Amino acid sequence: MSRPKKRSLTLKGHRTSVSLEDEFWKEFRRIATEQSRPINDLAFEIDANRDPDIGLASAIRLYILRQFTG
């Protein structure tokens, strides 16, 4: 598995970054494409629904994991 890399996202007009491994980033992009959604919109939804004690990168990883476990 690769080391996390910073990736830029725009959440409702605000720039932010998350550190994700290439494998998670590729799956995140694949899920967004599969849902016919811009990746920033999917990230915003995850951000809006995450527990405030969980960072955005962790919330994205958990979202991806849930896609596989249903």
PDB file of N, CA and C in Angstrom:
ATOM      1  N   MET A   1       0.852  -1.177   0.000  1.00  0.00           N
ATOM      2  CA  MET A   1       0.000   0.000   0.000  1.00  0.00           C
ATOM      3  C   MET A   1       0.897   1.240   0.000  1.00  0.00           C
ATOM      4  N   SER A   2       0.449   2.256  -0.675  1.00  0.00           N
ATOM      5  CA  SER A   2       1.226   3.488  -0.784  1.00  0.00           C
ATOM      6  C   SER A   2       1.088   4.343   0.478  1.00  0.00           C
ATOM      7  N   ARG A   3       1.955   5.314   0.590  1.00  0.00           N
ATOM      8  CA  ARG A   3       1.869   6.278   1.687  1.00  0.00           C
ATOM      9  C   ARG A   3       0.799   7.311   1.347  1.00  0.00           C
ATOM     10  N   PRO A   4       0.155   7.893   2.352  1.00  0.00           N
ATOM     11  CA  PRO A   4      -0.853   8.938   2.070  1.00  0.00           C
ATOM     12  C   PRO A   4      -0.237  10.127   1.346  1.00  0.00           C
ATOM     13  N   LYS A   5      -1.003  10.682   0.411  1.00  0.00           N
ATOM     14  CA  LYS A   5      -0.625  11.898  -0.308  1.00  0.00           C
ATOM     15  C   LYS A   5      -1.726  12.921  -0.099  1.00  0.00           C
ATOM     16  N   LYS A   6      -1.340  14.180  -0.015  1.00  0.00           N
ATOM     17  CA  LYS A   6      -2.343  15.238   0.114  1.00  0.00           C
ATOM     18  C   LYS A   6      -3.069  15.414  -1.209  1.00  0.00           C
ATOM     19  N   ARG A   7      -4.374  15.482  -1.110  1.00  0.00           N
ATOM     20  CA  ARG A   7      -5.233  15.691  -2.283  1.00  0.00           C
ATOM     21  C   ARG A   7      -6.114  16.897  -2.001  1.00  0.00           C
ATOM     22  N   SER A   8      -6.319  17.728  -2.989  1.00  0.00           N
ATOM     23  CA  SER A   8      -7.146  18.917  -2.822  1.00  0.00           C
ATOM     24  C   SER A   8      -8.588  18.635  -3.198  1.00  0.00           C
ATOM     25  N   LEU A   9      -9.493  19.179  -2.398  1.00  0.00           N
ATOM     26  CA  LEU A   9     -10.922  19.097  -2.661  1.00  0.00           C
ATOM     27  C   LEU A   9     -11.525  20.477  -2.443  1.00  0.00           C
ATOM     28  N   THR A  10     -12.651  20.716  -3.066  1.00  0.00           N
ATOM     29  CA  THR A  10     -13.404  21.945  -2.833  1.00  0.00           C
ATOM     30  C   THR A  10     -14.770  21.542  -2.316  1.00  0.00           C
ATOM     31  N   LEU A  11     -15.063  21.949  -1.089  1.00  0.00           N
ATOM     32  CA  LEU A  11     -16.338  21.615  -0.455  1.00  0.00           C
ATOM     33  C   LEU A  11     -17.181  22.879  -0.359  1.00  0.00           C
ATOM     34  N   LYS A  12     -18.165  22.981  -1.235  1.00  0.00           N
ATOM     35  CA  LYS A  12     -19.050  24.150  -1.303  1.00  0.00           C
ATOM     36  C   LYS A  12     -18.268  25.456  -1.339  1.00  0.00           C
ATOM     37  N   GLY A  13     -17.292  25.507  -2.227  1.00  0.00           N
ATOM     38  CA  GLY A  13     -16.512  26.718  -2.446  1.00  0.00           C
ATOM     39  C   GLY A  13     -15.307  26.893  -1.544  1.00  0.00           C
ATOM     40  N   HIS A  14     -15.105  26.019  -0.582  1.00  0.00           N
ATOM     41  CA  HIS A  14     -13.973  26.119   0.330  1.00  0.00           C
ATOM     42  C   HIS A  14     -12.955  25.029   0.008  1.00  0.00           C
ATOM     43  N   ARG A  15     -11.703  25.451  -0.219  1.00  0.00           N
ATOM     44  CA  ARG A  15     -10.632  24.496  -0.516  1.00  0.00           C
ATOM     45  C   ARG A  15     -10.188  23.814   0.768  1.00  0.00           C
ATOM     46  N   THR A  16      -9.959  22.519   0.668  1.00  0.00           N
ATOM     47  CA  THR A  16      -9.411  21.744   1.773  1.00  0.00           C
ATOM     48  C   THR A  16      -8.556  20.638   1.185  1.00  0.00           C
ATOM     49  N   SER A  17      -7.838  19.961   2.025  1.00  0.00           N
ATOM     50  CA  SER A  17      -7.049  18.836   1.535  1.00  0.00           C
ATOM     51  C   SER A  17      -7.221  17.660   2.483  1.00  0.00           C
ATOM     52  N   VAL A  18      -7.067  16.476   1.920  1.00  0.00           N
ATOM     53  CA  VAL A  18      -7.108  15.238   2.687  1.00  0.00           C
ATOM     54  C   VAL A  18      -5.897  14.413   2.299  1.00  0.00           C
ATOM     55  N   SER A  19      -5.412  13.642   3.225  1.00  0.00           N
ATOM     56  CA  SER A  19      -4.286  12.750   2.950  1.00  0.00           C
ATOM     57  C   SER A  19      -4.818  11.337   2.799  1.00  0.00           C
ATOM     58  N   LEU A  20      -4.759  10.833   1.568  1.00  0.00           N
ATOM     59  CA  LEU A  20      -5.243   9.492   1.266  1.00  0.00           C
ATOM     60  C   LEU A  20      -4.201   8.725   0.460  1.00  0.00           C
ATOM     61  N   GLU A  21      -4.146   7.438   0.694  1.00  0.00           N
ATOM     62  CA  GLU A  21      -3.306   6.559  -0.097  1.00  0.00           C
ATOM     63  C   GLU A  21      -3.867   6.470  -1.513  1.00  0.00           C
ATOM     64  N   ASP A  22      -2.995   6.184  -2.491  1.00  0.00           N
ATOM     65  CA  ASP A  22      -3.433   6.089  -3.888  1.00  0.00           C
ATOM     66  C   ASP A  22      -4.588   5.097  -4.051  1.00  0.00           C
ATOM     67  N   GLU A  23      -4.520   3.982  -3.343  1.00  0.00           N
ATOM     68  CA  GLU A  23      -5.549   2.952  -3.483  1.00  0.00           C
ATOM     69  C   GLU A  23      -6.917   3.474  -3.048  1.00  0.00           C
ATOM     70  N   PHE A  24      -6.958   4.215  -1.937  1.00  0.00           N
ATOM     71  CA  PHE A  24      -8.223   4.787  -1.485  1.00  0.00           C
ATOM     72  C   PHE A  24      -8.699   5.879  -2.428  1.00  0.00           C
ATOM     73  N   TRP A  25      -7.773   6.705  -2.921  1.00  0.00           N
ATOM     74  CA  TRP A  25      -8.150   7.781  -3.836  1.00  0.00           C
ATOM     75  C   TRP A  25      -8.758   7.214  -5.126  1.00  0.00           C
ATOM     76  N   LYS A  26      -8.143   6.165  -5.651  1.00  0.00           N
ATOM     77  CA  LYS A  26      -8.667   5.549  -6.881  1.00  0.00           C
ATOM     78  C   LYS A  26     -10.071   4.994  -6.658  1.00  0.00           C
ATOM     79  N   GLU A  27     -10.287   4.340  -5.522  1.00  0.00           N
ATOM     80  CA  GLU A  27     -11.619   3.804  -5.222  1.00  0.00           C
ATOM     81  C   GLU A  27     -12.624   4.927  -5.009  1.00  0.00           C
ATOM     82  N   PHE A  28     -12.215   5.991  -4.358  1.00  0.00           N
ATOM     83  CA  PHE A  28     -13.088   7.140  -4.133  1.00  0.00           C
ATOM     84  C   PHE A  28     -13.523   7.741  -5.473  1.00  0.00           C
ATOM     85  N   ARG A  29     -12.579   7.897  -6.384  1.00  0.00           N
ATOM     86  CA  ARG A  29     -12.909   8.421  -7.718  1.00  0.00           C
ATOM     87  C   ARG A  29     -13.819   7.452  -8.485  1.00  0.00           C
ATOM     88  N   ARG A  30     -13.549   6.158  -8.339  1.00  0.00           N
ATOM     89  CA  ARG A  30     -14.370   5.157  -9.022  1.00  0.00           C
ATOM     90  C   ARG A  30     -15.813   5.211  -8.513  1.00  0.00           C
ATOM     91  N   ILE A  31     -15.987   5.308  -7.218  1.00  0.00           N
ATOM     92  CA  ILE A  31     -17.332   5.372  -6.624  1.00  0.00           C
ATOM     93  C   ILE A  31     -18.057   6.625  -7.109  1.00  0.00           C
ATOM     94  N   ALA A  32     -17.379   7.758  -7.111  1.00  0.00           N
ATOM     95  CA  ALA A  32     -18.001   9.003  -7.586  1.00  0.00           C
ATOM     96  C   ALA A  32     -18.428   8.865  -9.046  1.00  0.00           C
ATOM     97  N   THR A  33     -17.558   8.292  -9.863  1.00  0.00           N
ATOM     98  CA  THR A  33     -17.879   8.087 -11.278  1.00  0.00           C
ATOM     99  C   THR A  33     -19.054   7.141 -11.431  1.00  0.00           C
ATOM    100  N   GLU A  34     -19.044   6.054 -10.657  1.00  0.00           N
ATOM    101  CA  GLU A  34     -20.129   5.070 -10.712  1.00  0.00           C
ATOM    102  C   GLU A  34     -21.462   5.708 -10.340  1.00  0.00           C
ATOM    103  N   GLN A  35     -21.430   6.669  -9.426  1.00  0.00           N
ATOM    104  CA  GLN A  35     -22.641   7.355  -8.995  1.00  0.00           C
ATOM    105  C   GLN A  35     -22.958   8.583  -9.858  1.00  0.00           C
ATOM    106  N   SER A  36     -22.147   8.810 -10.882  1.00  0.00           N
ATOM    107  CA  SER A  36     -22.294   9.972 -11.777  1.00  0.00           C
ATOM    108  C   SER A  36     -22.313  11.278 -10.996  1.00  0.00           C
ATOM    109  N   ARG A  37     -21.361  11.384 -10.060  1.00  0.00           N
ATOM    110  CA  ARG A  37     -21.278  12.569  -9.207  1.00  0.00           C
ATOM    111  C   ARG A  37     -19.866  13.129  -9.245  1.00  0.00           C
ATOM    112  N   PRO A  38     -19.749  14.451  -9.173  1.00  0.00           N
ATOM    113  CA  PRO A  38     -18.413  15.026  -9.010  1.00  0.00           C
ATOM    114  C   PRO A  38     -17.831  14.587  -7.667  1.00  0.00           C
ATOM    115  N   ILE A  39     -16.547  14.339  -7.640  1.00  0.00           N
ATOM    116  CA  ILE A  39     -15.909  13.864  -6.410  1.00  0.00           C
ATOM    117  C   ILE A  39     -16.059  14.880  -5.275  1.00  0.00           C
ATOM    118  N   ASN A  40     -16.062  16.170  -5.605  1.00  0.00           N
ATOM    119  CA  ASN A  40     -16.231  17.192  -4.569  1.00  0.00           C
ATOM    120  C   ASN A  40     -17.612  17.119  -3.924  1.00  0.00           C
ATOM    121  N   ASP A  41     -18.635  16.796  -4.689  1.00  0.00           N
ATOM    122  CA  ASP A  41     -19.985  16.661  -4.120  1.00  0.00           C
ATOM    123  C   ASP A  41     -20.066  15.464  -3.181  1.00  0.00           C
ATOM    124  N   LEU A  42     -19.456  14.357  -3.579  1.00  0.00           N
ATOM    125  CA  LEU A  42     -19.447  13.177  -2.728  1.00  0.00           C
ATOM    126  C   LEU A  42     -18.664  13.468  -1.450  1.00  0.00           C
ATOM    127  N   ALA A  43     -17.537  14.146  -1.566  1.00  0.00           N
ATOM    128  CA  ALA A  43     -16.742  14.511  -0.390  1.00  0.00           C
ATOM    129  C   ALA A  43     -17.535  15.428   0.539  1.00  0.00           C
ATOM    130  N   PHE A  44     -18.292  16.363  -0.045  1.00  0.00           N
ATOM    131  CA  PHE A  44     -19.105  17.266   0.781  1.00  0.00           C
ATOM    132  C   PHE A  44     -20.162  16.483   1.557  1.00  0.00           C
ATOM    133  N   GLU A  45     -20.812  15.523   0.895  1.00  0.00           N
ATOM    134  CA  GLU A  45     -21.824  14.709   1.572  1.00  0.00           C
ATOM    135  C   GLU A  45     -21.203  13.926   2.736  1.00  0.00           C
ATOM    136  N   ILE A  46     -20.048  13.323   2.487  1.00  0.00           N
ATOM    137  CA  ILE A  46     -19.356  12.571   3.545  1.00  0.00           C
ATOM    138  C   ILE A  46     -18.986  13.511   4.685  1.00  0.00           C
ATOM    139  N   ASP A  47     -18.467  14.682   4.352  1.00  0.00           N
ATOM    140  CA  ASP A  47     -18.072  15.656   5.361  1.00  0.00           C
ATOM    141  C   ASP A  47     -19.272  16.104   6.193  1.00  0.00           C
ATOM    142  N   ALA A  48     -20.384  16.348   5.545  1.00  0.00           N
ATOM    143  CA  ALA A  48     -21.582  16.828   6.246  1.00  0.00           C
ATOM    144  C   ALA A  48     -22.170  15.775   7.184  1.00  0.00           C
ATOM    145  N   ASN A  49     -21.951  14.502   6.865  1.00  0.00           N
ATOM    146  CA  ASN A  49     -22.551  13.424   7.652  1.00  0.00           C
ATOM    147  C   ASN A  49     -21.595  12.745   8.629  1.00  0.00           C
ATOM    148  N   ARG A  50     -20.343  13.185   8.661  1.00  0.00           N
ATOM    149  CA  ARG A  50     -19.367  12.509   9.523  1.00  0.00           C
ATOM    150  C   ARG A  50     -19.477  12.986  10.961  1.00  0.00           C
ATOM    151  N   ASP A  51     -19.041  12.136  11.869  1.00  0.00           N
ATOM    152  CA  ASP A  51     -18.927  12.493  13.278  1.00  0.00           C
ATOM    153  C   ASP A  51     -17.837  13.555  13.398  1.00  0.00           C
ATOM    154  N   PRO A  52     -18.069  14.626  14.143  1.00  0.00           N
ATOM    155  CA  PRO A  52     -17.058  15.687  14.245  1.00  0.00           C
ATOM    156  C   PRO A  52     -15.722  15.207  14.832  1.00  0.00           C
ATOM    157  N   ASP A  53     -15.727  14.077  15.519  1.00  0.00           N
ATOM    158  CA  ASP A  53     -14.493  13.544  16.097  1.00  0.00           C
ATOM    159  C   ASP A  53     -13.681  12.723  15.100  1.00  0.00           C
ATOM    160  N   ILE A  54     -14.232  12.514  13.902  1.00  0.00           N
ATOM    161  CA  ILE A  54     -13.547  11.727  12.865  1.00  0.00           C
ATOM    162  C   ILE A  54     -13.111  12.684  11.764  1.00  0.00           C
ATOM    163  N   GLY A  55     -11.845  12.616  11.389  1.00  0.00           N
ATOM    164  CA  GLY A  55     -11.334  13.467  10.320  1.00  0.00           C
ATOM    165  C   GLY A  55     -11.930  13.102   8.969  1.00  0.00           C
ATOM    166  N   LEU A  56     -11.871  14.033   8.042  1.00  0.00           N
ATOM    167  CA  LEU A  56     -12.451  13.814   6.720  1.00  0.00           C
ATOM    168  C   LEU A  56     -11.801  12.634   6.002  1.00  0.00           C
ATOM    169  N   ALA A  57     -10.483  12.516   6.050  1.00  0.00           N
ATOM    170  CA  ALA A  57      -9.812  11.396   5.365  1.00  0.00           C
ATOM    171  C   ALA A  57     -10.277  10.062   5.941  1.00  0.00           C
ATOM    172  N   SER A  58     -10.399   9.973   7.248  1.00  0.00           N
ATOM    173  CA  SER A  58     -10.882   8.731   7.869  1.00  0.00           C
ATOM    174  C   SER A  58     -12.330   8.464   7.477  1.00  0.00           C
ATOM    175  N   ALA A  59     -13.140   9.508   7.427  1.00  0.00           N
ATOM    176  CA  ALA A  59     -14.542   9.343   7.039  1.00  0.00           C
ATOM    177  C   ALA A  59     -14.642   8.843   5.598  1.00  0.00           C
ATOM    178  N   ILE A  60     -13.781   9.330   4.717  1.00  0.00           N
ATOM    179  CA  ILE A  60     -13.769   8.861   3.330  1.00  0.00           C
ATOM    180  C   ILE A  60     -13.371   7.386   3.280  1.00  0.00           C
ATOM    181  N   ARG A  61     -12.338   7.010   4.025  1.00  0.00           N
ATOM    182  CA  ARG A  61     -11.924   5.601   4.051  1.00  0.00           C
ATOM    183  C   ARG A  61     -13.062   4.708   4.547  1.00  0.00           C
ATOM    184  N   LEU A  62     -13.753   5.137   5.603  1.00  0.00           N
ATOM    185  CA  LEU A  62     -14.865   4.349   6.136  1.00  0.00           C
ATOM    186  C   LEU A  62     -16.007   4.259   5.124  1.00  0.00           C
ATOM    187  N   TYR A  63     -16.272   5.346   4.411  1.00  0.00           N
ATOM    188  CA  TYR A  63     -17.304   5.344   3.375  1.00  0.00           C
ATOM    189  C   TYR A  63     -16.959   4.312   2.299  1.00  0.00           C
ATOM    190  N   ILE A  64     -15.698   4.314   1.859  1.00  0.00           N
ATOM    191  CA  ILE A  64     -15.258   3.345   0.842  1.00  0.00           C
ATOM    192  C   ILE A  64     -15.415   1.927   1.362  1.00  0.00           C
ATOM    193  N   LEU A  65     -15.000   1.692   2.592  1.00  0.00           N
ATOM    194  CA  LEU A  65     -15.118   0.367   3.185  1.00  0.00           C
ATOM    195  C   LEU A  65     -16.573  -0.098   3.216  1.00  0.00           C
ATOM    196  N   ARG A  66     -17.474   0.805   3.571  1.00  0.00           N
ATOM    197  CA  ARG A  66     -18.902   0.454   3.616  1.00  0.00           C
ATOM    198  C   ARG A  66     -19.455   0.099   2.233  1.00  0.00           C
ATOM    199  N   GLN A  67     -18.860   0.641   1.182  1.00  0.00           N
ATOM    200  CA  GLN A  67     -19.307   0.292  -0.180  1.00  0.00           C
ATOM    201  C   GLN A  67     -19.053  -1.177  -0.467  1.00  0.00           C
ATOM    202  N   PHE A  68     -18.031  -1.738   0.164  1.00  0.00           N
ATOM    203  CA  PHE A  68     -17.682  -3.143  -0.050  1.00  0.00           C
ATOM    204  C   PHE A  68     -18.397  -4.080   0.904  1.00  0.00           C
ATOM    205  N   THR A  69     -18.796  -3.572   2.062  1.00  0.00           N
ATOM    206  CA  THR A  69     -19.409  -4.435   3.062  1.00  0.00           C
ATOM    207  C   THR A  69     -20.920  -4.297   3.105  1.00  0.00           C
ATOM    208  N   GLY A  70     -21.445  -3.303   2.376  1.00  0.00           N
ATOM    209  CA  GLY A  70     -22.882  -3.104   2.264  1.00  0.00           C
ATOM    210  C   GLY A  70     -23.496  -2.713   3.534  1.00  0.00           C
TER     211      GLY A  70
END
